[in-house]
C-alpha atoms as a PDB file:
ATOM      1  CA  MET A   1      91.624  41.230  75.925  1.00  0.00           C
ATOM      2  CA  SER A   2      90.711  40.578  79.393  1.00  0.00           C
ATOM      3  CA  GLU A   3      94.384  41.459  80.432  1.00  0.00           C
ATOM      4  CA  PHE A   4      94.067  44.598  78.677  1.00  0.00           C
ATOM      5  CA  ILE A   5      90.624  45.678  80.666  1.00  0.00           C
ATOM      6  CA  GLN A   6      92.565  44.533  83.894  1.00  0.00           C
ATOM      7  CA  GLN A   7      95.425  46.991  83.081  1.00  0.00           C
ATOM      8  CA  LEU A   8      93.159  49.766  81.843  1.00  0.00           C
ATOM      9  CA  PRO A   9      92.505  51.388  85.194  1.00  0.00           C
ATOM     10  CA  ALA A  10      96.196  51.570  85.822  1.00  0.00           C
ATOM     11  CA  LEU A  11      96.743  52.930  82.262  1.00  0.00           C
ATOM     12  CA  LEU A  12      94.024  55.689  82.781  1.00  0.00           C
ATOM     13  CA  GLY A  13      95.609  56.280  86.047  1.00  0.00           C
ATOM     14  CA  VAL A  14      98.883  57.062  84.454  1.00  0.00           C
ATOM     15  CA  ILE A  15      97.260  59.270  81.876  1.00  0.00           C
ATOM     16  CA  VAL A  16      95.241  61.332  84.338  1.00  0.00           C
ATOM     17  CA  GLY A  17      98.356  61.617  86.631  1.00  0.00           C
ATOM     18  CA  ALA A  18     100.625  62.777  83.513  1.00  0.00           C
ATOM     19  CA  ALA A  19      97.904  65.168  82.521  1.00  0.00           C
ATOM     20  CA  GLY A  20      97.639  66.548  86.090  1.00  0.00           C
ATOM     21  CA  SER A  21     101.265  67.019  86.245  1.00  0.00           C
ATOM     22  CA  TYR A  22     101.555  68.871  82.977  1.00  0.00           C
ATOM     23  CA  LEU A  23      98.719  71.445  83.829  1.00  0.00           C
ATOM     24  CA  ALA A  24     100.274  72.041  87.450  1.00  0.00           C
ATOM     25  CA  ILE A  25     103.704  72.719  85.882  1.00  0.00           C
ATOM     26  CA  THR A  26     102.193  74.746  83.138  1.00  0.00           C
ATOM     27  CA  ARG A  27     100.252  76.736  85.699  1.00  0.00           C
ATOM     28  CA  GLY A  28     103.141  77.206  88.003  1.00  0.00           C
ATOM     29  CA  ASP A  29     105.380  78.372  84.930  1.00  0.00           C
ATOM     30  CA  ARG A  30     102.752  80.959  83.911  1.00  0.00           C
ATOM     31  CA  ALA A  31     102.382  82.428  87.339  1.00  0.00           C
ATOM     32  CA  ARG A  32     106.158  82.494  87.795  1.00  0.00           C
ATOM     33  CA  PHE A  33     106.617  84.046  84.394  1.00  0.00           C
ATOM     34  CA  ARG A  34     103.826  86.818  85.416  1.00  0.00           C
ATOM     35  CA  ARG A  35     105.659  87.468  88.626  1.00  0.00           C
ATOM     36  CA  GLU A  36     108.939  87.816  87.079  1.00  0.00           C
ATOM     37  CA  GLU A  37     107.503  90.114  84.260  1.00  0.00           C
ATOM     38  CA  ALA A  38     105.871  92.318  87.019  1.00  0.00           C
ATOM     39  CA  ALA A  39     109.215  92.376  88.865  1.00  0.00           C
ATOM     40  CA  ARG A  40     110.917  93.400  85.585  1.00  0.00           C
ATOM     41  CA  TRP A  41     108.587  96.416  84.881  1.00  0.00           C
ATOM     42  CA  ASP A  42     108.815  97.398  88.419  1.00  0.00           C
ATOM     43  CA  GLU A  43     112.447  97.599  88.294  1.00  0.00           C
ATOM     44  CA  ARG A  44     112.261  99.510  84.863  1.00  0.00           C
ATOM     45  CA  ARG A  45     109.729 102.029  86.503  1.00  0.00           C
ATOM     46  CA  LEU A  46     111.761 102.601  89.395  1.00  0.00           C
ATOM     47  CA  SER A  47     114.927 103.307  87.398  1.00  0.00           C
ATOM     48  CA  ILE A  48     112.733 105.844  85.248  1.00  0.00           C
ATOM     49  CA  TYR A  49     111.393 107.464  88.373  1.00  0.00           C
ATOM     50  CA  SER A  50     114.872 107.643  89.956  1.00  0.00           C
ATOM     51  CA  ASP A  51     116.316 109.170  86.767  1.00  0.00           C
ATOM     52  CA  TYR A  52     113.748 111.812  86.683  1.00  0.00           C
ATOM     53  CA  ALA A  53     113.954 112.927  90.210  1.00  0.00           C
ATOM     54  CA  ARG A  54     117.786 112.891  89.670  1.00  0.00           C
ATOM     55  CA  SER A  55     117.698 114.914  86.693  1.00  0.00           C
ATOM     56  CA  LEU A  56     115.193 117.364  88.265  1.00  0.00           C
ATOM     57  CA  LYS A  57     117.198 117.590  91.538  1.00  0.00           C
ATOM     58  CA  LYS A  58     120.015 119.026  89.446  1.00  0.00           C
ATOM     59  CA  SER A  59     118.019 121.783  88.353  1.00  0.00           C
ATOM     60  CA  VAL A  60     116.926 122.383  91.909  1.00  0.00           C
ATOM     61  CA  THR A  61     120.411 122.429  93.357  1.00  0.00           C
ATOM     62  CA  LEU A  62     121.306 124.760  90.564  1.00  0.00           C
ATOM     63  CA  THR A  63     118.476 127.142  91.596  1.00  0.00           C
ATOM     64  CA  TYR A  64     119.850 126.869  95.420  1.00  0.00           C
ATOM     65  CA  ARG A  65     123.081 128.006  94.254  1.00  0.00           C
ATOM     66  CA  ILE A  66     122.198 130.871  92.172  1.00  0.00           C
ATOM     67  CA  ALA A  67     119.617 132.249  94.845  1.00  0.00           C
ATOM     68  CA  ALA A  68     122.458 132.269  97.363  1.00  0.00           C
ATOM     69  CA  HIS A  69     124.518 134.574  95.146  1.00  0.00           C
ATOM     70  CA  LEU A  70     121.458 136.637  94.727  1.00  0.00           C
ATOM     71  CA  GLY A  71     121.174 136.645  98.757  1.00  0.00           C
ATOM     72  CA  ASN A  72     117.855 134.567  98.927  1.00  0.00           C
ATOM     73  CA  ASP A  73     119.296 131.149  99.987  1.00  0.00           C
ATOM     74  CA  PRO A  74     121.979 130.256 102.494  1.00  0.00           C
ATOM     75  CA  HIS A  75     123.577 127.569 100.244  1.00  0.00           C
ATOM     76  CA  PRO A  76     127.396 127.612 100.888  1.00  0.00           C
ATOM     77  CA  HIS A  77     128.417 127.625  97.365  1.00  0.00           C
ATOM     78  CA  PRO A  78     126.744 130.546  95.587  1.00  0.00           C
ATOM     79  CA  LEU A  79     126.858 130.630  91.664  1.00  0.00           C
ATOM     80  CA  SER A  80     126.206 133.582  89.603  1.00  0.00           C
ATOM     81  CA  PRO A  81     123.370 133.726  87.400  1.00  0.00           C
ATOM     82  CA  GLU A  82     125.769 134.263  84.306  1.00  0.00           C
ATOM     83  CA  GLU A  83     127.769 131.096  85.360  1.00  0.00           C
ATOM     84  CA  GLY A  84     124.472 129.213  86.287  1.00  0.00           C
ATOM     85  CA  ALA A  85     122.468 129.897  83.165  1.00  0.00           C
ATOM     86  CA  PRO A  86     124.230 127.591  80.956  1.00  0.00           C
ATOM     87  CA  GLN A  87     124.272 124.734  83.493  1.00  0.00           C
ATOM     88  CA  LEU A  88     120.603 125.285  84.320  1.00  0.00           C
ATOM     89  CA  ALA A  89     119.908 125.124  80.347  1.00  0.00           C
ATOM     90  CA  ALA A  90     121.788 121.878  80.253  1.00  0.00           C
ATOM     91  CA  ALA A  91     120.065 120.561  83.335  1.00  0.00           C
ATOM     92  CA  ALA A  92     116.772 121.489  81.620  1.00  0.00           C
ATOM     93  CA  GLU A  93     117.839 119.535  78.490  1.00  0.00           C
ATOM     94  CA  GLY A  94     118.960 116.655  80.448  1.00  0.00           C
ATOM     95  CA  ARG A  95     115.536 116.095  82.188  1.00  0.00           C
ATOM     96  CA  ASP A  96     113.767 116.030  78.949  1.00  0.00           C
ATOM     97  CA  PRO A  97     114.702 112.528  77.961  1.00  0.00           C
ATOM     98  CA  SER A  98     113.810 111.289  81.535  1.00  0.00           C
ATOM     99  CA  GLY A  99     110.574 113.005  81.402  1.00  0.00           C
ATOM    100  CA  GLU A 100     109.725 111.464  78.200  1.00  0.00           C
ATOM    101  CA  ALA A 101     110.440 107.980  79.646  1.00  0.00           C
ATOM    102  CA  LEU A 102     108.376 108.952  82.653  1.00  0.00           C
ATOM    103  CA  LEU A 103     105.409 109.584  80.320  1.00  0.00           C
ATOM    104  CA  MET A 104     105.710 106.238  78.493  1.00  0.00           C
ATOM    105  CA  LEU A 105     106.009 104.008  81.773  1.00  0.00           C
ATOM    106  CA  GLY A 106     104.940 106.072  84.614  1.00  0.00           C
ATOM    107  CA  THR A 107     101.370 105.721  85.986  1.00  0.00           C
ATOM    108  CA  ALA A 108      98.904 108.807  85.815  1.00  0.00           C
ATOM    109  CA  ASP A 109      99.235 109.457  89.108  1.00  0.00           C
ATOM    110  CA  VAL A 110     103.083 109.579  89.235  1.00  0.00           C
ATOM    111  CA  VAL A 111     103.146 111.600  86.026  1.00  0.00           C
ATOM    112  CA  GLU A 112     100.825 114.158  87.544  1.00  0.00           C
ATOM    113  CA  LYS A 113     102.977 114.526  90.803  1.00  0.00           C
ATOM    114  CA  ALA A 114     106.012 114.953  88.420  1.00  0.00           C
ATOM    115  CA  ARG A 115     104.329 117.643  86.447  1.00  0.00           C
ATOM    116  CA  ALA A 116     103.387 119.530  89.754  1.00  0.00           C
ATOM    117  CA  TRP A 117     107.090 119.016  90.950  1.00  0.00           C
ATOM    118  CA  VAL A 118     108.446 120.471  87.798  1.00  0.00           C
ATOM    119  CA  VAL A 119     106.108 123.152  87.307  1.00  0.00           C
ATOM    120  CA  VAL A 120     107.434 124.652  90.858  1.00  0.00           C
ATOM    121  CA  VAL A 121     111.016 123.983  89.686  1.00  0.00           C
ATOM    122  CA  MET A 122     110.291 126.206  86.696  1.00  0.00           C
ATOM    123  CA  GLU A 123     108.703 128.869  88.662  1.00  0.00           C
ATOM    124  CA  MET A 124     112.033 128.855  90.811  1.00  0.00           C
ATOM    125  CA  GLU A 125     114.073 129.307  87.583  1.00  0.00           C
ATOM    126  CA  ALA A 126     111.919 132.080  86.529  1.00  0.00           C
ATOM    127  CA  PHE A 127     112.018 133.563  89.914  1.00  0.00           C
ATOM    128  CA  LEU A 128     116.180 133.774  89.422  1.00  0.00           C
ATOM    129  CA  ARG A 129     115.780 134.567  85.747  1.00  0.00           C
ATOM    130  CA  HIS A 130     114.181 137.914  86.766  1.00  0.00           C
ATOM    131  CA  ARG A 131     117.044 138.258  89.323  1.00  0.00           C
ATOM    132  CA  THR A 132     114.701 138.798  92.071  1.00  0.00           C
ATOM    133  CA  GLN A 133     115.920 139.514  95.601  1.00  0.00           C
ATOM    134  CA  ASP A 134     113.279 138.348  98.193  1.00  0.00           C
ATOM    135  CA  PRO A 135     114.226 135.706 100.496  1.00  0.00           C
ATOM    136  CA  GLY A 136     110.630 135.487 101.900  1.00  0.00           C
ATOM    137  CA  ALA A 137     109.256 134.646  98.446  1.00  0.00           C
ATOM    138  CA  TRP A 138     112.159 132.396  97.753  1.00  0.00           C
ATOM    139  CA  SER A 139     111.382 130.401 101.105  1.00  0.00           C
ATOM    140  CA  ASP A 140     107.790 130.074  99.723  1.00  0.00           C
ATOM    141  CA  LEU A 141     108.948 128.656  96.604  1.00  0.00           C
ATOM    142  CA  LEU A 142     111.230 126.125  98.657  1.00  0.00           C
ATOM    143  CA  LEU A 143     108.479 124.840 100.537  1.00  0.00           C
ATOM    144  CA  LYS A 144     106.162 124.344  97.408  1.00  0.00           C
ATOM    145  CA  GLN A 145     109.165 122.532  95.823  1.00  0.00           C
ATOM    146  CA  ARG A 146     109.419 120.175  98.941  1.00  0.00           C
ATOM    147  CA  ALA A 147     105.913 119.614  99.252  1.00  0.00           C
ATOM    148  CA  ALA A 148     105.937 118.759  95.168  1.00  0.00           C
ATOM    149  CA  ARG A 149     109.079 116.532  95.621  1.00  0.00           C
ATOM    150  CA  GLU A 150     107.493 114.761  98.685  1.00  0.00           C
ATOM    151  CA  GLY A 151     104.090 114.231  96.701  1.00  0.00           C
ATOM    152  CA  TYR A 152     105.958 112.801  93.830  1.00  0.00           C
ATOM    153  CA  TYR A 153     107.882 110.279  95.890  1.00  0.00           C
ATOM    154  CA  GLY A 154     104.928 109.307  97.605  1.00  0.00           C
ATOM    155  CA  ALA A 155     103.238 108.642  94.310  1.00  0.00           C
ATOM    156  CA  VAL A 156     106.037 106.642  93.325  1.00  0.00           C
ATOM    157  CA  ARG A 157     106.005 104.566  96.372  1.00  0.00           C
ATOM    158  CA  ARG A 158     102.347 103.823  96.011  1.00  0.00           C
ATOM    159  CA  ASP A 159     102.842 102.725  92.555  1.00  0.00           C
ATOM    160  CA  LEU A 160     105.674 100.227  93.291  1.00  0.00           C
ATOM    161  CA  ALA A 161     103.786  99.259  96.555  1.00  0.00           C
ATOM    162  CA  LEU A 162     106.860 100.481  98.889  1.00  0.00           C
ATOM    163  CA  PRO A 163     106.353 101.442 102.535  1.00  0.00           C
ATOM    164  CA  PRO A 164     106.300 105.143 103.258  1.00  0.00           C
ATOM    165  CA  GLY A 165     109.520 106.884 103.397  1.00  0.00           C
ATOM    166  CA  HIS A 166     111.299 109.932 104.618  1.00  0.00           C
ATOM    167  CA  THR A 167     110.233 113.515 103.790  1.00  0.00           C
ATOM    168  CA  GLY A 168     113.841 114.558 102.863  1.00  0.00           C
ATOM    169  CA  GLN A 169     113.795 117.613 105.033  1.00  0.00           C
ATOM    170  CA  TRP A 170     116.894 117.522 107.079  1.00  0.00           C
ATOM    171  CA  ARG A 171     117.285 119.498 110.146  1.00  0.00           C
ATOM    172  CA  LEU A 172     120.733 121.324 110.103  1.00  0.00           C
ATOM    173  CA  PRO A 173     122.467 122.452 113.416  1.00  0.00           C
ATOM    174  CA  SER A 174     122.337 126.008 113.789  1.00  0.00           C
ATOM    175  CA  ALA A 175     125.743 128.000 113.353  1.00  0.00           C
END
């Protein structure tokens, strides 16, 4: 019996060491799992945010082209309202699925900024449906659209903890 008592401290040391090792590994695995899971969700949200922006930008580009045909915009590739109407409708339908995904996984701030952006785009589309020829009013709509887009991108960057980005306003050389 005395032999067992002499070895008891060593046995307890092995048990405590094994339990400590198990706890440390378990905690580390949990922390790694949480980090990897957060990274996966960030990747999914970035993908959804990008898809939504891309689908909305299709509509924006089409409005530029139609506005150029009406004399409101200097876009180099004008598109008549008749040719553009089905493309605008397809672009609007194309943004619905990405908008639903955005509602499902986006943060409240990002969704609100996305809503503000799409509302301006819808104003641009209505402006063109009425075949309005007013370059000044069109220019005001463009400024609103750019500000709304910048607000959306800013919200996305904040959500994903990204650094501030470019405004997206390109200075073109004058002709």
